[in-house]
Amino acid sequence: MKATIWHNPKCGTSRKTLAILENLSGIELTVIEYLKDPPSAETLARLYRAAGMTPQAGLRLRGTDAEERGLTQADDATVLAAMAAEPILIERPLVETDKGVRLCRPQDRVLEIL
């Protein structure tokens, strides 16, 4: 099975999710450090649709100015553009497999798509 994780190595939950994926046999894993290689607004829109969530639900609030900027109430296009321009606004980690996409908070949510 193929799996892609949008990973932040400084995030404990992201590291724990990556460890789950790395310890499973049969996983062809792609790791994208999204702060260095940010996803496009289109990619984010596709991931959130597949996860059944809104872009606003994927906003990282802790340690960002997302609320002060009104992004929690903004339209999808505005939120996605802000995330693509400033990937620190993306809550992590996002994981995609053939079975779907999950925002893996807590890290055990990854098991739903394996």
N, C-alpha and C. Protein backbone atom coordinates (compact mmCIF):
# COMPACT_ATOMS: atom_id res chain seq x y z
N MET A 1 0.84 -1.18 0.00
CA MET A 1 0.00 0.00 0.00
C MET A 1 0.89 1.24 0.00
N LYS A 2 0.47 2.22 -0.79
CA LYS A 2 1.17 3.50 -0.81
C LYS A 2 0.59 4.42 0.25
N ALA A 3 1.47 5.20 0.88
CA ALA A 3 1.02 6.18 1.87
C ALA A 3 1.90 7.42 1.72
N THR A 4 1.26 8.58 1.83
CA THR A 4 1.98 9.85 1.82
C THR A 4 1.64 10.58 3.10
N ILE A 5 2.67 11.08 3.78
CA ILE A 5 2.46 11.88 4.98
C ILE A 5 3.03 13.27 4.75
N TRP A 6 2.21 14.28 5.05
CA TRP A 6 2.67 15.68 5.05
C TRP A 6 3.13 15.91 6.47
N HIS A 7 4.43 15.97 6.65
CA HIS A 7 5.09 15.81 7.94
C HIS A 7 5.83 17.07 8.37
N ASN A 8 5.80 17.31 9.69
CA ASN A 8 6.62 18.35 10.31
C ASN A 8 7.47 17.64 11.36
N PRO A 9 8.78 17.50 11.13
CA PRO A 9 9.61 16.76 12.06
C PRO A 9 9.70 17.37 13.46
N LYS A 10 9.28 18.62 13.63
CA LYS A 10 9.30 19.25 14.95
C LYS A 10 8.05 18.94 15.76
N CYS A 11 7.06 18.31 15.14
CA CYS A 11 5.77 18.02 15.79
C CYS A 11 5.77 16.59 16.32
N GLY A 12 5.50 16.44 17.61
CA GLY A 12 5.46 15.12 18.23
C GLY A 12 4.41 14.21 17.63
N THR A 13 3.21 14.72 17.38
CA THR A 13 2.16 13.89 16.79
C THR A 13 2.55 13.45 15.39
N SER A 14 3.16 14.34 14.63
CA SER A 14 3.61 14.00 13.29
C SER A 14 4.70 12.92 13.35
N ARG A 15 5.64 13.04 14.28
CA ARG A 15 6.69 12.03 14.43
C ARG A 15 6.10 10.68 14.83
N LYS A 16 5.12 10.68 15.73
CA LYS A 16 4.48 9.43 16.16
C LYS A 16 3.72 8.77 15.01
N THR A 17 3.05 9.58 14.21
CA THR A 17 2.32 9.04 13.06
C THR A 17 3.30 8.46 12.05
N LEU A 18 4.38 9.17 11.80
CA LEU A 18 5.41 8.66 10.89
C LEU A 18 5.98 7.34 11.40
N ALA A 19 6.20 7.23 12.69
CA ALA A 19 6.74 5.99 13.26
C ALA A 19 5.77 4.82 13.04
N ILE A 20 4.48 5.06 13.20
CA ILE A 20 3.49 4.01 12.93
C ILE A 20 3.62 3.53 11.49
N LEU A 21 3.70 4.47 10.56
CA LEU A 21 3.80 4.12 9.15
C LEU A 21 5.10 3.39 8.84
N GLU A 22 6.20 3.83 9.42
CA GLU A 22 7.50 3.22 9.15
C GLU A 22 7.60 1.81 9.73
N ASN A 23 6.85 1.52 10.78
CA ASN A 23 6.92 0.22 11.42
C ASN A 23 5.98 -0.82 10.83
N LEU A 24 5.22 -0.44 9.84
CA LEU A 24 4.31 -1.39 9.18
C LEU A 24 4.98 -1.96 7.94
N SER A 25 4.83 -3.25 7.75
CA SER A 25 5.38 -3.86 6.54
C SER A 25 4.41 -3.63 5.38
N GLY A 26 4.95 -3.57 4.20
CA GLY A 26 4.13 -3.42 3.01
C GLY A 26 3.69 -1.99 2.71
N ILE A 27 4.24 -1.02 3.41
CA ILE A 27 3.89 0.38 3.17
C ILE A 27 4.98 1.02 2.31
N GLU A 28 4.58 1.54 1.17
CA GLU A 28 5.48 2.32 0.31
C GLU A 28 5.25 3.78 0.68
N LEU A 29 6.16 4.32 1.50
CA LEU A 29 5.94 5.59 2.16
C LEU A 29 6.64 6.75 1.47
N THR A 30 5.88 7.82 1.27
CA THR A 30 6.44 9.09 0.80
C THR A 30 6.27 10.10 1.92
N VAL A 31 7.37 10.74 2.29
CA VAL A 31 7.34 11.74 3.35
C VAL A 31 7.58 13.10 2.73
N ILE A 32 6.64 14.00 2.93
CA ILE A 32 6.77 15.37 2.42
C ILE A 32 6.85 16.31 3.62
N GLU A 33 7.99 16.96 3.77
CA GLU A 33 8.12 17.98 4.81
C GLU A 33 7.46 19.25 4.27
N TYR A 34 6.20 19.41 4.61
CA TYR A 34 5.38 20.44 3.98
C TYR A 34 5.83 21.87 4.27
N LEU A 35 6.61 22.09 5.32
CA LEU A 35 7.12 23.45 5.56
C LEU A 35 8.19 23.81 4.55
N LYS A 36 8.92 22.79 4.04
CA LYS A 36 9.95 23.01 3.02
C LYS A 36 9.37 22.91 1.61
N ASP A 37 8.36 22.05 1.46
CA ASP A 37 7.75 21.78 0.16
C ASP A 37 6.23 21.87 0.31
N PRO A 38 5.70 23.10 0.41
CA PRO A 38 4.28 23.26 0.71
C PRO A 38 3.37 22.77 -0.42
N PRO A 39 2.26 22.15 -0.04
CA PRO A 39 1.29 21.74 -1.04
C PRO A 39 0.58 22.96 -1.63
N SER A 40 0.11 22.82 -2.84
CA SER A 40 -0.65 23.89 -3.48
C SER A 40 -2.05 23.97 -2.87
N ALA A 41 -2.71 25.07 -3.12
CA ALA A 41 -4.10 25.22 -2.66
C ALA A 41 -4.97 24.11 -3.25
N GLU A 42 -4.71 23.74 -4.50
CA GLU A 42 -5.48 22.69 -5.16
C GLU A 42 -5.26 21.34 -4.48
N THR A 43 -4.01 21.03 -4.13
CA THR A 43 -3.72 19.78 -3.43
C THR A 43 -4.40 19.75 -2.08
N LEU A 44 -4.31 20.85 -1.34
CA LEU A 44 -4.98 20.92 -0.05
C LEU A 44 -6.48 20.74 -0.18
N ALA A 45 -7.08 21.38 -1.18
CA ALA A 45 -8.53 21.25 -1.39
C ALA A 45 -8.89 19.78 -1.64
N ARG A 46 -8.10 19.10 -2.44
CA ARG A 46 -8.35 17.68 -2.74
C ARG A 46 -8.22 16.83 -1.48
N LEU A 47 -7.18 17.09 -0.68
CA LEU A 47 -6.97 16.32 0.55
C LEU A 47 -8.11 16.52 1.53
N TYR A 48 -8.52 17.76 1.73
CA TYR A 48 -9.61 18.02 2.68
C TYR A 48 -10.93 17.43 2.20
N ARG A 49 -11.20 17.49 0.89
CA ARG A 49 -12.41 16.85 0.36
C ARG A 49 -12.38 15.36 0.64
N ALA A 50 -11.24 14.73 0.37
CA ALA A 50 -11.10 13.29 0.58
C ALA A 50 -11.22 12.92 2.06
N ALA A 51 -10.81 13.82 2.93
CA ALA A 51 -10.90 13.58 4.37
C ALA A 51 -12.29 13.89 4.92
N GLY A 52 -13.14 14.51 4.09
CA GLY A 52 -14.49 14.87 4.53
C GLY A 52 -14.49 16.02 5.52
N MET A 53 -13.55 16.95 5.31
CA MET A 53 -13.46 18.08 6.23
C MET A 53 -13.30 19.38 5.46
N THR A 54 -13.56 20.48 6.12
CA THR A 54 -13.40 21.78 5.49
C THR A 54 -11.96 22.26 5.66
N PRO A 55 -11.52 23.17 4.80
CA PRO A 55 -10.20 23.76 5.01
C PRO A 55 -10.07 24.43 6.38
N GLN A 56 -11.14 25.04 6.85
CA GLN A 56 -11.11 25.68 8.16
C GLN A 56 -10.81 24.66 9.27
N ALA A 57 -11.34 23.45 9.13
CA ALA A 57 -11.07 22.40 10.12
C ALA A 57 -9.61 21.94 10.07
N GLY A 58 -8.93 22.22 8.96
CA GLY A 58 -7.53 21.87 8.82
C GLY A 58 -6.57 22.98 9.17
N LEU A 59 -7.10 24.09 9.67
CA LEU A 59 -6.24 25.22 10.07
C LEU A 59 -5.54 24.92 11.39
N ARG A 60 -4.28 25.21 11.43
CA ARG A 60 -3.55 25.14 12.70
C ARG A 60 -3.76 26.46 13.42
N LEU A 61 -4.33 26.39 14.61
CA LEU A 61 -4.60 27.59 15.40
C LEU A 61 -3.48 27.85 16.40
N ARG A 62 -3.00 26.79 17.02
CA ARG A 62 -1.96 26.93 18.04
C ARG A 62 -0.66 27.42 17.41
N GLY A 63 -0.15 28.51 17.93
CA GLY A 63 1.12 29.04 17.46
C GLY A 63 1.05 29.79 16.15
N THR A 64 -0.18 30.12 15.71
CA THR A 64 -0.35 30.88 14.47
C THR A 64 -1.26 32.08 14.74
N ASP A 65 -1.39 32.93 13.74
CA ASP A 65 -2.29 34.07 13.84
C ASP A 65 -3.57 33.86 13.02
N ALA A 66 -3.92 32.60 12.80
CA ALA A 66 -5.09 32.28 11.97
C ALA A 66 -6.37 32.91 12.49
N GLU A 67 -6.60 32.84 13.78
CA GLU A 67 -7.83 33.42 14.34
C GLU A 67 -7.83 34.94 14.22
N GLU A 68 -6.70 35.56 14.55
CA GLU A 68 -6.60 37.02 14.48
C GLU A 68 -6.82 37.52 13.05
N ARG A 69 -6.42 36.73 12.08
CA ARG A 69 -6.59 37.10 10.68
C ARG A 69 -7.98 36.79 10.14
N GLY A 70 -8.82 36.19 10.98
CA GLY A 70 -10.18 35.88 10.56
C GLY A 70 -10.28 34.65 9.67
N LEU A 71 -9.24 33.83 9.63
CA LEU A 71 -9.25 32.68 8.73
C LEU A 71 -10.24 31.60 9.15
N THR A 72 -10.57 31.53 10.44
CA THR A 72 -11.54 30.53 10.87
C THR A 72 -12.93 30.80 10.32
N GLN A 73 -13.19 32.04 9.92
CA GLN A 73 -14.49 32.43 9.36
C GLN A 73 -14.41 32.73 7.86
N ALA A 74 -13.23 32.62 7.28
CA ALA A 74 -13.04 32.98 5.87
C ALA A 74 -13.57 31.87 4.95
N ASP A 75 -13.76 32.23 3.68
CA ASP A 75 -14.21 31.24 2.70
C ASP A 75 -13.06 30.28 2.38
N ASP A 76 -13.42 29.14 1.79
CA ASP A 76 -12.45 28.09 1.52
C ASP A 76 -11.26 28.58 0.69
N ALA A 77 -11.53 29.34 -0.35
CA ALA A 77 -10.45 29.79 -1.24
C ALA A 77 -9.44 30.65 -0.48
N THR A 78 -9.91 31.51 0.40
CA THR A 78 -9.03 32.36 1.19
C THR A 78 -8.17 31.54 2.14
N VAL A 79 -8.79 30.57 2.80
CA VAL A 79 -8.07 29.71 3.73
C VAL A 79 -7.01 28.89 2.98
N LEU A 80 -7.39 28.29 1.87
CA LEU A 80 -6.46 27.47 1.11
C LEU A 80 -5.29 28.29 0.57
N ALA A 81 -5.57 29.50 0.11
CA ALA A 81 -4.49 30.37 -0.39
C ALA A 81 -3.54 30.74 0.74
N ALA A 82 -4.09 31.03 1.93
CA ALA A 82 -3.24 31.36 3.08
C ALA A 82 -2.37 30.17 3.47
N MET A 83 -2.93 28.98 3.47
CA MET A 83 -2.17 27.77 3.82
C MET A 83 -1.05 27.51 2.82
N ALA A 84 -1.36 27.67 1.54
CA ALA A 84 -0.35 27.43 0.51
C ALA A 84 0.79 28.45 0.62
N ALA A 85 0.45 29.69 0.97
CA ALA A 85 1.45 30.74 1.09
C ALA A 85 2.24 30.64 2.39
N GLU A 86 1.57 30.19 3.45
CA GLU A 86 2.20 30.07 4.78
C GLU A 86 1.85 28.70 5.36
N PRO A 87 2.63 27.67 4.99
CA PRO A 87 2.27 26.30 5.37
C PRO A 87 2.25 26.04 6.88
N ILE A 88 2.76 26.94 7.69
CA ILE A 88 2.66 26.78 9.14
C ILE A 88 1.19 26.78 9.57
N LEU A 89 0.30 27.29 8.71
CA LEU A 89 -1.13 27.32 9.01
C LEU A 89 -1.81 25.96 8.80
N ILE A 90 -1.10 24.99 8.26
CA ILE A 90 -1.67 23.67 8.01
C ILE A 90 -1.52 22.81 9.26
N GLU A 91 -2.64 22.30 9.76
CA GLU A 91 -2.59 21.36 10.89
C GLU A 91 -2.01 20.06 10.38
N ARG A 92 -1.24 19.40 11.22
CA ARG A 92 -0.53 18.20 10.78
C ARG A 92 -0.71 17.09 11.79
N PRO A 93 -0.39 15.87 11.30
CA PRO A 93 0.00 15.48 9.95
C PRO A 93 -1.22 15.01 9.14
N LEU A 94 -1.18 15.28 7.87
CA LEU A 94 -2.15 14.72 6.93
C LEU A 94 -1.53 13.47 6.33
N VAL A 95 -2.32 12.41 6.24
CA VAL A 95 -1.85 11.16 5.63
C VAL A 95 -2.86 10.73 4.59
N GLU A 96 -2.34 10.34 3.43
CA GLU A 96 -3.18 9.85 2.33
C GLU A 96 -2.76 8.45 1.95
N THR A 97 -3.73 7.55 1.83
CA THR A 97 -3.51 6.20 1.30
C THR A 97 -4.60 5.94 0.27
N ASP A 98 -4.58 4.74 -0.30
CA ASP A 98 -5.63 4.35 -1.24
C ASP A 98 -7.00 4.30 -0.57
N LYS A 99 -7.01 4.20 0.74
CA LYS A 99 -8.27 4.09 1.49
C LYS A 99 -8.80 5.43 1.96
N GLY A 100 -8.07 6.52 1.71
CA GLY A 100 -8.57 7.83 2.10
C GLY A 100 -7.51 8.74 2.68
N VAL A 101 -7.97 9.83 3.27
CA VAL A 101 -7.10 10.84 3.87
C VAL A 101 -7.58 11.09 5.29
N ARG A 102 -6.63 11.27 6.19
CA ARG A 102 -6.97 11.62 7.57
C ARG A 102 -6.02 12.69 8.08
N LEU A 103 -6.57 13.59 8.88
CA LEU A 103 -5.76 14.47 9.71
C LEU A 103 -5.52 13.64 10.96
N CYS A 104 -4.29 13.22 11.17
CA CYS A 104 -3.99 12.21 12.19
C CYS A 104 -3.69 12.83 13.54
N ARG A 105 -4.71 13.42 14.12
CA ARG A 105 -4.66 13.96 15.48
C ARG A 105 -5.83 13.33 16.23
N PRO A 106 -5.62 12.37 17.07
CA PRO A 106 -4.36 11.79 17.48
C PRO A 106 -3.78 10.87 16.41
N GLN A 107 -2.55 10.45 16.62
CA GLN A 107 -1.82 9.69 15.62
C GLN A 107 -2.49 8.36 15.26
N ASP A 108 -3.26 7.79 16.16
CA ASP A 108 -3.92 6.50 15.87
C ASP A 108 -4.97 6.61 14.77
N ARG A 109 -5.37 7.81 14.41
CA ARG A 109 -6.34 7.98 13.32
C ARG A 109 -5.80 7.43 12.01
N VAL A 110 -4.48 7.34 11.89
CA VAL A 110 -3.88 6.80 10.67
C VAL A 110 -4.33 5.36 10.44
N LEU A 111 -4.63 4.63 11.50
CA LEU A 111 -5.04 3.23 11.38
C LEU A 111 -6.35 3.08 10.61
N GLU A 112 -7.17 4.12 10.58
CA GLU A 112 -8.45 4.09 9.86
C GLU A 112 -8.26 3.95 8.35
N ILE A 113 -7.10 4.31 7.84
CA ILE A 113 -6.90 4.30 6.39
C ILE A 113 -5.77 3.34 5.98
N LEU A 114 -5.46 2.40 6.84
CA LEU A 114 -4.44 1.40 6.52
C LEU A 114 -5.06 0.05 6.29
